[in-house]
Amino acid sequence: MPDAVIVDAVRTPIGKRNGTLADVHPADLAGYVLQDLQRRTGIDPETVDDVVWGCVNQVGDQAAQIGRYAVLAAGWPETVAGITVNRACGSSQSAFDFAAGMVMAGQYDVVVAGGVESMSRVPLGAGRDLGRPFGPLVRERYAADLTSGEFPGGDFNQGVGAERIAKKWGFSRRRLDEYASRSHELAAAAIDSGAFAGQLARIPGKEDFTADEGLRRGTTPEKLAALKPSFTADGVIHAGNASQISDGASAVLITTPERARELGLTPIARYHSGAVSGADPLMMLTGPIPATQKVLKRSGLSISDIGAFEVNEAFAPVPLAWQAELGAEDKVLNPLGGAIAVGHPLGASGTILMTRLLHHMRDKSIRYGLQTMCEGGGTANATIVELL
């Protein structure tokens, strides 16, 4: 079986809601990232077999198979294909896994994986206006919980799931706010040190946009204590210890070692192992725990072999529960901060995290890195990459 190697990874700075990127159509934003990936690698787009693109809210500006229109917006040849993938928050991580899998299967030689989300232009949950999701059979299966009064509108709800995680693992409001403050502190240090500078795409007309926009410097647990709970009156989840609504795009170039040599490209890392797992759809956000256990078993590696983890900070209890179950050290868990500090542009976040992870591994000579994300409906991806 051929190896799949990652040649380069690029992302936009993450824009806050109604911020710098709000006036950029998401197809154009995706196109700019593809253009930047082309500039960095010198790749001829004609050699790209497919563009596998994550996007969650595929309505409005993000409808009409945005993966294909990203290719056209980039000015790439009409012969280059594109497809759009939706696994909720893990959409572009799944795109990355699928792309690597196709290379390893021998179906593709050169492929781009990535994603985009403009949450300013296509609000979270916009598709629900067109009907009632989940369906009667699923609602009947979980009726006891959904009709208990805990879930607003009788719908599955990630915020309620986060509250359930905090309760199950015994995380206090103070502990969650300490973790959220840590995210801002580490993100600020990463930005100030230039850790992200080499991975950021240029956005035409926004040349001064060179850093993630959601960071709130000086965030402390004491300041966060003033925020009201978002989901239940006596809850512990609020806007300050949850991921930010954001805009962004990201892309990764994957090929085989042999094709990379032919094209004069030097890969960063190889795709080592991947896994996906389901979990309780009511608690919803615990999937990274079994997904990580599954990928570690598949890889033959242990937690102590991994030098850096990117565990998406959808809500503070998610990485904390994951850490409690897996036992990773603080210093290797989200060492550059995370979505609480800089944002979570849904369909782009998977390859945003992968971009951060790959560059961090290269900068710090870390052999193995692991990325995992919780996803709507109670699934999760986990992926391990190995530095070359």
Foldseek 3Di string as FASTA:
>chain_A
DFFKFFQAKFKAQWFFAVGDCLVPQFLLQLLLQVLQVCVVFVDQLVQAQEEEEEDAQQDDSNHDFSQLSNCVSNVHDNPYYYGYAHQWLCRQVVQVVVVRVCQVVVNHFKHKTKYWFRCNRQPPPNVCVVDHPDDDVSCVVVVVVLVPPQHPPSDQDQLSLLQVLCVVVVPDLLNLQQLLLVLLVLQVVCVVVCLCQVRHGADPPPNVRRHQDQRDPPRHSVVVVPFAADRDRPTSFGLLQAFGAITMMMMIMMGGPVVCVVSVTDGFWIFQWKFKDFDDLNSQQQQQQVRVVVGCVVRVHALVLAQAEEEARRGSSRVVSSCVRRVHDPCRYSSNRHRSRRHRSRRRRSSVSVNSQSSVCSVVVRFKYKYKYGRRRGMMMITMIGGD
